[in-house]
Amino acid sequence: MPDSANRTSDETRPSRPPVTADQLRKLAIAHRRVILAVLLYFLYMPVLLGFKSAGLMAEKGQPAEVGDHITTIYVLAFLVFALFAVYKLAGMLKAEQGIGFLYAGLMFVPVVGLIVLLWMNHRSTKILKKYGVKVGLMGADLKSISEPEVN
């Protein structure tokens, strides 16, 4: 049996629906949210260390100080934002709903959460570039999104 008989031809492959400019815009916005979450992730340590060095953090056995409360609020706000960003981007990347919840749940594990954010950033950047969207340091340029050509 020839090798070519085992391969599927273009006519038998299910065709992907074309990606619209609106879908690319939504992906670009979700991509920017994940980039912002990565930035907030890296800002956490300087915020924590800044309060420590300013003497606003409580020592063991002492009541909580202002720095403890601000740090707690920062971490909770970051986690809520990161959970939202990861779940939305997972949906845009056509991940199963359970996988989206898994990615969001991994945000609670310190280093693993950062790896998830960076991996999702990489996947969405690849897709955006594939469709000719300019992607910079802070995400996709929304002005560069135009209606993609149907192949």
C-alpha atoms as a PDB file:
ATOM      1  CA  MET A   1       0.000   0.000   0.000  1.00  0.00           C
ATOM      2  CA  PRO A   2       1.564   3.320  -0.970  1.00  0.00           C
ATOM      3  CA  ASP A   3       2.421   5.916   1.647  1.00  0.00           C
ATOM      4  CA  SER A   4       0.192   8.497   0.024  1.00  0.00           C
ATOM      5  CA  ALA A   5      -2.888   6.370   0.708  1.00  0.00           C
ATOM      6  CA  ASN A   6      -2.330   6.726   4.471  1.00  0.00           C
ATOM      7  CA  ARG A   7      -2.171  10.514   4.325  1.00  0.00           C
ATOM      8  CA  THR A   8      -5.306  12.562   4.396  1.00  0.00           C
ATOM      9  CA  SER A   9      -5.822  14.953   1.555  1.00  0.00           C
ATOM     10  CA  ASP A  10      -6.828  18.576   1.987  1.00  0.00           C
ATOM     11  CA  GLU A  11     -10.362  17.726   0.908  1.00  0.00           C
ATOM     12  CA  THR A  12     -10.880  15.148   3.669  1.00  0.00           C
ATOM     13  CA  ARG A  13      -9.470  17.257   6.529  1.00  0.00           C
ATOM     14  CA  PRO A  14     -12.035  19.181   8.493  1.00  0.00           C
ATOM     15  CA  SER A  15     -11.570  22.835   7.659  1.00  0.00           C
ATOM     16  CA  ARG A  16     -11.003  25.301  10.452  1.00  0.00           C
ATOM     17  CA  PRO A  17     -13.401  28.177  10.537  1.00  0.00           C
ATOM     18  CA  PRO A  18     -11.688  31.417   9.528  1.00  0.00           C
ATOM     19  CA  VAL A  19     -10.515  33.655  12.352  1.00  0.00           C
ATOM     20  CA  THR A  20     -12.201  37.035  12.377  1.00  0.00           C
ATOM     21  CA  ALA A  21     -10.680  40.362  13.349  1.00  0.00           C
ATOM     22  CA  ASP A  22     -13.034  40.472  16.331  1.00  0.00           C
ATOM     23  CA  GLN A  23     -11.690  37.131  17.604  1.00  0.00           C
ATOM     24  CA  LEU A  24      -8.121  38.371  17.154  1.00  0.00           C
ATOM     25  CA  ARG A  25      -8.954  41.554  19.098  1.00  0.00           C
ATOM     26  CA  LYS A  26     -10.414  39.513  21.956  1.00  0.00           C
ATOM     27  CA  LEU A  27      -7.330  37.277  21.954  1.00  0.00           C
ATOM     28  CA  ALA A  28      -5.062  40.337  21.947  1.00  0.00           C
ATOM     29  CA  ILE A  29      -6.904  41.839  24.923  1.00  0.00           C
ATOM     30  CA  ALA A  30      -6.718  38.543  26.849  1.00  0.00           C
ATOM     31  CA  HIS A  31      -3.018  38.361  25.920  1.00  0.00           C
ATOM     32  CA  ARG A  32      -2.439  41.846  27.386  1.00  0.00           C
ATOM     33  CA  ARG A  33      -4.154  40.810  30.616  1.00  0.00           C
ATOM     34  CA  VAL A  34      -1.785  37.857  30.989  1.00  0.00           C
ATOM     35  CA  ILE A  35       1.219  40.107  30.336  1.00  0.00           C
ATOM     36  CA  LEU A  36      -0.057  42.491  33.027  1.00  0.00           C
ATOM     37  CA  ALA A  37      -0.445  39.519  35.386  1.00  0.00           C
ATOM     38  CA  VAL A  38       3.203  38.548  34.733  1.00  0.00           C
ATOM     39  CA  LEU A  39       4.253  42.130  35.501  1.00  0.00           C
ATOM     40  CA  LEU A  40       2.228  42.142  38.735  1.00  0.00           C
ATOM     41  CA  TYR A  41       3.762  38.779  39.631  1.00  0.00           C
ATOM     42  CA  PHE A  42       7.252  40.282  39.354  1.00  0.00           C
ATOM     43  CA  LEU A  43       6.225  43.387  41.308  1.00  0.00           C
ATOM     44  CA  TYR A  44       5.061  41.373  44.289  1.00  0.00           C
ATOM     45  CA  MET A  45       8.528  40.791  45.749  1.00  0.00           C
ATOM     46  CA  PRO A  46       9.638  44.454  45.579  1.00  0.00           C
ATOM     47  CA  VAL A  47       6.355  45.465  47.245  1.00  0.00           C
ATOM     48  CA  LEU A  48       6.881  42.905  49.993  1.00  0.00           C
ATOM     49  CA  LEU A  49      10.542  43.802  50.482  1.00  0.00           C
ATOM     50  CA  GLY A  50       9.731  47.525  50.464  1.00  0.00           C
ATOM     51  CA  PHE A  51       7.324  47.128  53.358  1.00  0.00           C
ATOM     52  CA  LYS A  52       9.790  44.889  55.192  1.00  0.00           C
ATOM     53  CA  SER A  53      12.611  47.415  54.878  1.00  0.00           C
ATOM     54  CA  ALA A  54      10.325  50.304  55.879  1.00  0.00           C
ATOM     55  CA  GLY A  55       9.533  48.447  59.098  1.00  0.00           C
ATOM     56  CA  LEU A  56       5.831  48.230  58.317  1.00  0.00           C
ATOM     57  CA  MET A  57       5.684  44.438  58.541  1.00  0.00           C
ATOM     58  CA  ALA A  58       4.889  42.824  61.881  1.00  0.00           C
ATOM     59  CA  GLU A  59       7.399  40.588  63.610  1.00  0.00           C
ATOM     60  CA  LYS A  60       6.337  37.267  65.144  1.00  0.00           C
ATOM     61  CA  GLY A  61       4.111  37.757  68.144  1.00  0.00           C
ATOM     62  CA  GLN A  62       3.228  41.357  67.271  1.00  0.00           C
ATOM     63  CA  PRO A  63      -0.036  42.629  65.864  1.00  0.00           C
ATOM     64  CA  ALA A  64      -0.328  43.065  62.116  1.00  0.00           C
ATOM     65  CA  GLU A  65       0.937  46.343  60.724  1.00  0.00           C
ATOM     66  CA  VAL A  66      -0.183  48.427  57.752  1.00  0.00           C
ATOM     67  CA  GLY A  67       2.303  46.645  55.456  1.00  0.00           C
ATOM     68  CA  ASP A  68       0.753  43.262  56.237  1.00  0.00           C
ATOM     69  CA  HIS A  69      -2.681  44.507  55.256  1.00  0.00           C
ATOM     70  CA  ILE A  70      -1.478  46.205  52.075  1.00  0.00           C
ATOM     71  CA  THR A  71       0.493  43.111  51.061  1.00  0.00           C
ATOM     72  CA  THR A  72      -2.528  40.881  51.690  1.00  0.00           C
ATOM     73  CA  ILE A  73      -4.765  43.145  49.618  1.00  0.00           C
ATOM     74  CA  TYR A  74      -2.151  43.212  46.824  1.00  0.00           C
ATOM     75  CA  VAL A  75      -1.831  39.415  46.763  1.00  0.00           C
ATOM     76  CA  LEU A  76      -5.602  38.880  46.761  1.00  0.00           C
ATOM     77  CA  ALA A  77      -6.118  41.465  44.008  1.00  0.00           C
ATOM     78  CA  PHE A  78      -3.326  39.888  41.967  1.00  0.00           C
ATOM     79  CA  LEU A  79      -4.758  36.385  42.378  1.00  0.00           C
ATOM     80  CA  VAL A  80      -8.264  37.442  41.370  1.00  0.00           C
ATOM     81  CA  PHE A  81      -6.909  39.287  38.326  1.00  0.00           C
ATOM     82  CA  ALA A  82      -4.564  36.430  37.357  1.00  0.00           C
ATOM     83  CA  LEU A  83      -7.305  33.813  37.738  1.00  0.00           C
ATOM     84  CA  PHE A  84      -9.597  35.862  35.498  1.00  0.00           C
ATOM     85  CA  ALA A  85      -6.851  36.501  32.909  1.00  0.00           C
ATOM     86  CA  VAL A  86      -5.732  32.879  32.731  1.00  0.00           C
ATOM     87  CA  TYR A  87      -9.257  31.485  32.518  1.00  0.00           C
ATOM     88  CA  LYS A  88     -10.293  33.955  29.795  1.00  0.00           C
ATOM     89  CA  LEU A  89      -7.148  33.325  27.729  1.00  0.00           C
ATOM     90  CA  ALA A  90      -7.566  29.561  28.092  1.00  0.00           C
ATOM     91  CA  GLY A  91     -11.045  29.955  26.638  1.00  0.00           C
ATOM     92  CA  MET A  92      -9.708  32.054  23.764  1.00  0.00           C
ATOM     93  CA  LEU A  93      -7.076  29.396  23.065  1.00  0.00           C
ATOM     94  CA  LYS A  94      -9.878  26.826  22.774  1.00  0.00           C
ATOM     95  CA  ALA A  95      -8.795  24.863  25.828  1.00  0.00           C
ATOM     96  CA  GLU A  96     -11.328  22.574  27.460  1.00  0.00           C
ATOM     97  CA  GLN A  97     -13.215  24.165  30.351  1.00  0.00           C
ATOM     98  CA  GLY A  98     -11.576  21.797  32.848  1.00  0.00           C
ATOM     99  CA  ILE A  99      -8.135  22.768  31.580  1.00  0.00           C
ATOM    100  CA  GLY A 100      -8.995  26.448  32.065  1.00  0.00           C
ATOM    101  CA  PHE A 101      -9.898  25.719  35.693  1.00  0.00           C
ATOM    102  CA  LEU A 102      -6.678  23.723  36.103  1.00  0.00           C
ATOM    103  CA  TYR A 103      -4.573  26.606  34.761  1.00  0.00           C
ATOM    104  CA  ALA A 104      -6.398  29.025  37.059  1.00  0.00           C
ATOM    105  CA  GLY A 105      -5.883  26.694  40.024  1.00  0.00           C
ATOM    106  CA  LEU A 106      -2.173  26.475  39.308  1.00  0.00           C
ATOM    107  CA  MET A 107      -1.952  30.218  39.923  1.00  0.00           C
ATOM    108  CA  PHE A 108      -1.991  29.433  43.663  1.00  0.00           C
ATOM    109  CA  VAL A 109       1.314  27.543  43.390  1.00  0.00           C
ATOM    110  CA  PRO A 110       4.016  30.242  43.415  1.00  0.00           C
ATOM    111  CA  VAL A 111       6.529  29.289  40.701  1.00  0.00           C
ATOM    112  CA  VAL A 112       4.132  27.068  38.769  1.00  0.00           C
ATOM    113  CA  GLY A 113       1.731  30.016  38.434  1.00  0.00           C
ATOM    114  CA  LEU A 114       4.445  32.076  36.783  1.00  0.00           C
ATOM    115  CA  ILE A 115       5.273  29.215  34.405  1.00  0.00           C
ATOM    116  CA  VAL A 116       1.582  28.936  33.445  1.00  0.00           C
ATOM    117  CA  LEU A 117       1.432  32.689  32.769  1.00  0.00           C
ATOM    118  CA  LEU A 118       4.568  32.616  30.612  1.00  0.00           C
ATOM    119  CA  TRP A 119       3.433  29.518  28.708  1.00  0.00           C
ATOM    120  CA  MET A 120       0.024  31.003  27.933  1.00  0.00           C
ATOM    121  CA  ASN A 121       1.723  34.238  26.873  1.00  0.00           C
ATOM    122  CA  HIS A 122       3.914  32.251  24.481  1.00  0.00           C
ATOM    123  CA  ARG A 123       0.974  30.360  22.958  1.00  0.00           C
ATOM    124  CA  SER A 124      -1.112  33.471  22.385  1.00  0.00           C
ATOM    125  CA  THR A 125       1.872  35.389  20.959  1.00  0.00           C
ATOM    126  CA  LYS A 126       2.445  32.581  18.465  1.00  0.00           C
ATOM    127  CA  ILE A 127      -1.176  32.647  17.320  1.00  0.00           C
ATOM    128  CA  LEU A 128      -1.284  36.427  17.027  1.00  0.00           C
ATOM    129  CA  LYS A 129       1.936  36.523  15.001  1.00  0.00           C
ATOM    130  CA  LYS A 130       0.619  33.749  12.762  1.00  0.00           C
ATOM    131  CA  TYR A 131      -2.196  36.086  11.726  1.00  0.00           C
ATOM    132  CA  GLY A 132       0.122  39.033  11.164  1.00  0.00           C
ATOM    133  CA  VAL A 133      -0.598  40.944  14.374  1.00  0.00           C
ATOM    134  CA  LYS A 134       2.349  42.950  15.667  1.00  0.00           C
ATOM    135  CA  VAL A 135       3.213  41.832  19.199  1.00  0.00           C
ATOM    136  CA  GLY A 136       5.480  43.966  21.372  1.00  0.00           C
ATOM    137  CA  LEU A 137       6.670  43.945  24.954  1.00  0.00           C
ATOM    138  CA  MET A 138       3.278  44.937  26.380  1.00  0.00           C
ATOM    139  CA  GLY A 139       1.173  42.798  24.070  1.00  0.00           C
ATOM    140  CA  ALA A 140      -0.430  42.988  20.683  1.00  0.00           C
ATOM    141  CA  ASP A 141      -0.920  46.225  18.805  1.00  0.00           C
ATOM    142  CA  LEU A 142      -4.685  46.433  18.362  1.00  0.00           C
ATOM    143  CA  LYS A 143      -4.254  48.828  15.428  1.00  0.00           C
ATOM    144  CA  SER A 144      -2.418  46.149  13.454  1.00  0.00           C
ATOM    145  CA  ILE A 145      -5.407  43.803  13.515  1.00  0.00           C
ATOM    146  CA  SER A 146      -7.259  43.680  10.253  1.00  0.00           C
ATOM    147  CA  GLU A 147      -9.645  41.158   8.753  1.00  0.00           C
ATOM    148  CA  PRO A 148      -7.439  38.115   7.948  1.00  0.00           C
ATOM    149  CA  GLU A 149      -7.457  36.659   4.459  1.00  0.00           C
ATOM    150  CA  VAL A 150      -9.267  33.366   4.016  1.00  0.00           C
ATOM    151  CA  ASN A 151      -6.876  30.746   2.624  1.00  0.00           C
END
